[in-house]
Amino acid sequence: MADLATIMAMTTDPRGNTHMSRRRIMTVAAGVALSSSLLSVPAHAAAERAQDRVECTVLSSGQLCISLNVQPSSVSVFYLKKSGSSIKASLGHRTTNGGSSFAAKRTIKSGERALERWTFSYRCDIDWKGVMKVDGQGTFETPWATC
């Protein structure tokens, strides 16, 4: 059974025979060649087309997120403060293998977006969690992010 693209490309001659024009044949052939070449993409090229992995948690006055970024390879932790009074906080991340890193404390006001980024080739055999340490309030975390 012919697919819709093939049927659309067919023409009928005066004797009632169905044919495909040379241009249509070349178009269909190019489409088949392109789709089959996508099946043999090297692993590193497939990884380049991967999407960032983002995990967030909603807090009473904002949203805390971690993003495992593909291009460039980096880990970002950000906090969008939607309401409430200013806080003094440190953004960071921790991993299931015990690693962690934190930025310097900073003041975050309502309506601001605080962002910290660590640029390196992160490991996908461990999970990552965004963390925010807030003076006088404690520590807040995102769900685990995985590759």
C-alpha atoms as a PDB file:
ATOM      1  CA  MET A   1       0.000   0.000   0.000  1.00  0.00           C
ATOM      2  CA  ALA A   2       1.437   3.383  -0.995  1.00  0.00           C
ATOM      3  CA  ASP A   3       1.796   6.130   1.574  1.00  0.00           C
ATOM      4  CA  LEU A   4       0.183   9.562   1.164  1.00  0.00           C
ATOM      5  CA  ALA A   5       3.374  11.207  -0.140  1.00  0.00           C
ATOM      6  CA  THR A   6       3.722   8.549  -2.840  1.00  0.00           C
ATOM      7  CA  ILE A   7       0.085   8.856  -3.870  1.00  0.00           C
ATOM      8  CA  MET A   8       0.370  12.653  -4.058  1.00  0.00           C
ATOM      9  CA  ALA A   9       3.457  12.321  -6.276  1.00  0.00           C
ATOM     10  CA  MET A  10       1.779  10.032  -8.838  1.00  0.00           C
ATOM     11  CA  THR A  11       0.308  11.184 -12.122  1.00  0.00           C
ATOM     12  CA  THR A  12      -1.889   9.355 -14.616  1.00  0.00           C
ATOM     13  CA  ASP A  13      -1.066   9.301 -18.358  1.00  0.00           C
ATOM     14  CA  PRO A  14      -3.748   9.398 -21.122  1.00  0.00           C
ATOM     15  CA  ARG A  15      -3.868   5.569 -21.226  1.00  0.00           C
ATOM     16  CA  GLY A  16      -4.755   5.391 -17.513  1.00  0.00           C
ATOM     17  CA  ASN A  17      -1.328   4.203 -16.353  1.00  0.00           C
ATOM     18  CA  THR A  18      -0.098   5.683 -13.108  1.00  0.00           C
ATOM     19  CA  HIS A  19       3.417   7.128 -13.171  1.00  0.00           C
ATOM     20  CA  MET A  20       5.587   9.286 -11.004  1.00  0.00           C
ATOM     21  CA  SER A  21       7.299  12.285 -12.589  1.00  0.00           C
ATOM     22  CA  ARG A  22      11.087  12.282 -12.547  1.00  0.00           C
ATOM     23  CA  ARG A  23      11.049  15.300 -10.221  1.00  0.00           C
ATOM     24  CA  ARG A  24       8.691  13.551  -7.797  1.00  0.00           C
ATOM     25  CA  ILE A  25      10.804  10.385  -7.871  1.00  0.00           C
ATOM     26  CA  MET A  26      13.926  12.402  -7.004  1.00  0.00           C
ATOM     27  CA  THR A  27      12.069  14.193  -4.184  1.00  0.00           C
ATOM     28  CA  VAL A  28      10.838  10.917  -2.675  1.00  0.00           C
ATOM     29  CA  ALA A  29      14.297   9.343  -3.058  1.00  0.00           C
ATOM     30  CA  ALA A  30      15.925  12.306  -1.326  1.00  0.00           C
ATOM     31  CA  GLY A  31      13.436  12.035   1.533  1.00  0.00           C
ATOM     32  CA  VAL A  32      14.128   8.324   1.945  1.00  0.00           C
ATOM     33  CA  ALA A  33      17.886   8.922   1.866  1.00  0.00           C
ATOM     34  CA  LEU A  34      17.628  11.667   4.467  1.00  0.00           C
ATOM     35  CA  SER A  35      15.441   9.657   6.811  1.00  0.00           C
ATOM     36  CA  SER A  36      17.682   6.599   6.583  1.00  0.00           C
ATOM     37  CA  SER A  37      20.785   8.706   7.254  1.00  0.00           C
ATOM     38  CA  LEU A  38      19.209   9.962  10.479  1.00  0.00           C
ATOM     39  CA  LEU A  39      19.073   6.376  11.688  1.00  0.00           C
ATOM     40  CA  SER A  40      22.860   6.118  11.556  1.00  0.00           C
ATOM     41  CA  VAL A  41      23.773   9.288  13.472  1.00  0.00           C
ATOM     42  CA  PRO A  42      26.901   8.853  15.619  1.00  0.00           C
ATOM     43  CA  ALA A  43      26.309   8.769  19.378  1.00  0.00           C
ATOM     44  CA  HIS A  44      28.116  12.065  20.013  1.00  0.00           C
ATOM     45  CA  ALA A  45      25.948  13.845  17.436  1.00  0.00           C
ATOM     46  CA  ALA A  46      22.793  12.449  19.025  1.00  0.00           C
ATOM     47  CA  ALA A  47      23.948  13.790  22.383  1.00  0.00           C
ATOM     48  CA  GLU A  48      24.385  17.248  20.843  1.00  0.00           C
ATOM     49  CA  ARG A  49      20.699  17.203  19.901  1.00  0.00           C
ATOM     50  CA  ALA A  50      19.659  16.152  23.403  1.00  0.00           C
ATOM     51  CA  GLN A  51      17.622  18.587  25.416  1.00  0.00           C
ATOM     52  CA  ASP A  52      18.439  20.260  28.695  1.00  0.00           C
ATOM     53  CA  ARG A  53      17.096  18.473  31.760  1.00  0.00           C
ATOM     54  CA  VAL A  54      15.308  20.830  34.186  1.00  0.00           C
ATOM     55  CA  GLU A  55      13.827  20.027  37.608  1.00  0.00           C
ATOM     56  CA  CYS A  56      12.060  22.613  39.775  1.00  0.00           C
ATOM     57  CA  THR A  57      10.388  22.930  43.128  1.00  0.00           C
ATOM     58  CA  VAL A  58       7.787  25.548  43.993  1.00  0.00           C
ATOM     59  CA  LEU A  59       8.399  27.406  47.247  1.00  0.00           C
ATOM     60  CA  SER A  60       6.050  29.768  49.097  1.00  0.00           C
ATOM     61  CA  SER A  61       7.744  32.840  47.613  1.00  0.00           C
ATOM     62  CA  GLY A  62       9.231  31.561  44.364  1.00  0.00           C
ATOM     63  CA  GLN A  63      10.623  28.707  42.320  1.00  0.00           C
ATOM     64  CA  LEU A  64      14.000  26.944  42.610  1.00  0.00           C
ATOM     65  CA  CYS A  65      15.322  25.018  39.594  1.00  0.00           C
ATOM     66  CA  ILE A  66      18.332  23.064  38.386  1.00  0.00           C
ATOM     67  CA  SER A  67      19.153  22.645  34.707  1.00  0.00           C
ATOM     68  CA  LEU A  68      21.633  20.171  33.246  1.00  0.00           C
ATOM     69  CA  ASN A  69      22.496  22.125  30.097  1.00  0.00           C
ATOM     70  CA  VAL A  70      23.629  20.500  26.875  1.00  0.00           C
ATOM     71  CA  GLN A  71      25.171  23.388  24.919  1.00  0.00           C
ATOM     72  CA  PRO A  72      27.426  24.430  26.476  1.00  0.00           C
ATOM     73  CA  SER A  73      27.743  21.590  28.942  1.00  0.00           C
ATOM     74  CA  SER A  74      26.986  23.170  32.302  1.00  0.00           C
ATOM     75  CA  VAL A  75      24.896  22.962  35.458  1.00  0.00           C
ATOM     76  CA  SER A  76      22.687  25.947  36.280  1.00  0.00           C
ATOM     77  CA  VAL A  77      20.782  26.595  39.495  1.00  0.00           C
ATOM     78  CA  PHE A  78      18.351  29.492  39.542  1.00  0.00           C
ATOM     79  CA  TYR A  79      15.767  30.955  41.840  1.00  0.00           C
ATOM     80  CA  LEU A  80      12.916  33.219  40.779  1.00  0.00           C
ATOM     81  CA  LYS A  81      11.708  35.172  43.808  1.00  0.00           C
ATOM     82  CA  LYS A  82       8.085  36.067  43.167  1.00  0.00           C
ATOM     83  CA  SER A  83       7.078  37.633  46.489  1.00  0.00           C
ATOM     84  CA  GLY A  84       8.079  38.408  50.056  1.00  0.00           C
ATOM     85  CA  SER A  85      10.930  40.337  51.593  1.00  0.00           C
ATOM     86  CA  SER A  86      14.543  40.132  50.450  1.00  0.00           C
ATOM     87  CA  ILE A  87      16.609  37.098  51.414  1.00  0.00           C
ATOM     88  CA  LYS A  88      20.314  36.429  51.700  1.00  0.00           C
ATOM     89  CA  ALA A  89      21.031  33.084  50.051  1.00  0.00           C
ATOM     90  CA  SER A  90      23.636  30.888  48.420  1.00  0.00           C
ATOM     91  CA  LEU A  91      22.773  28.801  45.354  1.00  0.00           C
ATOM     92  CA  GLY A  92      24.522  25.517  44.708  1.00  0.00           C
ATOM     93  CA  HIS A  93      24.208  21.908  43.694  1.00  0.00           C
ATOM     94  CA  ARG A  94      24.939  18.500  45.142  1.00  0.00           C
ATOM     95  CA  THR A  95      25.234  15.051  43.623  1.00  0.00           C
ATOM     96  CA  THR A  96      24.458  11.471  44.570  1.00  0.00           C
ATOM     97  CA  ASN A  97      28.193  10.733  44.818  1.00  0.00           C
ATOM     98  CA  GLY A  98      28.601  13.317  47.594  1.00  0.00           C
ATOM     99  CA  GLY A  99      29.966  16.207  45.527  1.00  0.00           C
ATOM    100  CA  SER A 100      28.704  19.748  45.989  1.00  0.00           C
ATOM    101  CA  SER A 101      29.487  23.319  45.057  1.00  0.00           C
ATOM    102  CA  PHE A 102      28.035  26.618  46.290  1.00  0.00           C
ATOM    103  CA  ALA A 103      28.321  30.202  45.121  1.00  0.00           C
ATOM    104  CA  ALA A 104      28.828  33.164  47.446  1.00  0.00           C
ATOM    105  CA  LYS A 105      25.845  34.464  49.409  1.00  0.00           C
ATOM    106  CA  ARG A 106      23.868  37.221  47.777  1.00  0.00           C
ATOM    107  CA  THR A 107      20.760  39.282  48.410  1.00  0.00           C
ATOM    108  CA  ILE A 108      17.747  38.323  46.293  1.00  0.00           C
ATOM    109  CA  LYS A 109      14.804  40.736  46.128  1.00  0.00           C
ATOM    110  CA  SER A 110      11.209  40.056  45.120  1.00  0.00           C
ATOM    111  CA  GLY A 111      10.915  40.014  41.315  1.00  0.00           C
ATOM    112  CA  GLU A 112      14.567  39.027  40.815  1.00  0.00           C
ATOM    113  CA  ARG A 113      15.997  35.898  39.207  1.00  0.00           C
ATOM    114  CA  ALA A 114      19.238  34.688  40.772  1.00  0.00           C
ATOM    115  CA  LEU A 115      21.377  32.388  38.595  1.00  0.00           C
ATOM    116  CA  GLU A 116      24.589  30.463  39.179  1.00  0.00           C
ATOM    117  CA  ARG A 117      26.244  28.371  36.449  1.00  0.00           C
ATOM    118  CA  TRP A 118      29.083  25.880  36.574  1.00  0.00           C
ATOM    119  CA  THR A 119      30.511  25.132  33.118  1.00  0.00           C
ATOM    120  CA  PHE A 120      32.022  21.662  32.816  1.00  0.00           C
ATOM    121  CA  SER A 121      31.192  18.253  31.339  1.00  0.00           C
ATOM    122  CA  TYR A 122      28.851  16.922  33.981  1.00  0.00           C
ATOM    123  CA  ARG A 123      28.557  13.215  34.659  1.00  0.00           C
ATOM    124  CA  CYS A 124      25.385  11.347  33.714  1.00  0.00           C
ATOM    125  CA  ASP A 125      26.046   8.342  35.941  1.00  0.00           C
ATOM    126  CA  ILE A 126      25.076  10.436  38.981  1.00  0.00           C
ATOM    127  CA  ASP A 127      22.035  12.586  39.782  1.00  0.00           C
ATOM    128  CA  TRP A 128      22.082  16.325  40.460  1.00  0.00           C
ATOM    129  CA  LYS A 129      20.057  18.451  42.879  1.00  0.00           C
ATOM    130  CA  GLY A 130      19.752  22.244  43.025  1.00  0.00           C
ATOM    131  CA  VAL A 131      20.168  23.681  46.528  1.00  0.00           C
ATOM    132  CA  MET A 132      19.520  27.090  48.055  1.00  0.00           C
ATOM    133  CA  LYS A 133      20.746  27.910  51.565  1.00  0.00           C
ATOM    134  CA  VAL A 134      18.784  30.870  52.975  1.00  0.00           C
ATOM    135  CA  ASP A 135      19.986  32.744  56.064  1.00  0.00           C
ATOM    136  CA  GLY A 136      17.516  32.285  58.908  1.00  0.00           C
ATOM    137  CA  GLN A 137      15.222  29.955  56.915  1.00  0.00           C
ATOM    138  CA  GLY A 138      17.174  26.820  56.126  1.00  0.00           C
ATOM    139  CA  THR A 139      17.977  24.812  53.008  1.00  0.00           C
ATOM    140  CA  PHE A 140      15.694  24.216  50.030  1.00  0.00           C
ATOM    141  CA  GLU A 141      16.239  21.632  47.281  1.00  0.00           C
ATOM    142  CA  THR A 142      14.957  20.681  43.840  1.00  0.00           C
ATOM    143  CA  PRO A 143      14.050  17.108  42.907  1.00  0.00           C
ATOM    144  CA  TRP A 144      16.923  15.030  41.514  1.00  0.00           C
ATOM    145  CA  ALA A 145      17.781  15.760  37.880  1.00  0.00           C
ATOM    146  CA  THR A 146      19.113  12.958  35.696  1.00  0.00           C
ATOM    147  CA  CYS A 147      20.537  12.883  32.182  1.00  0.00           C
END
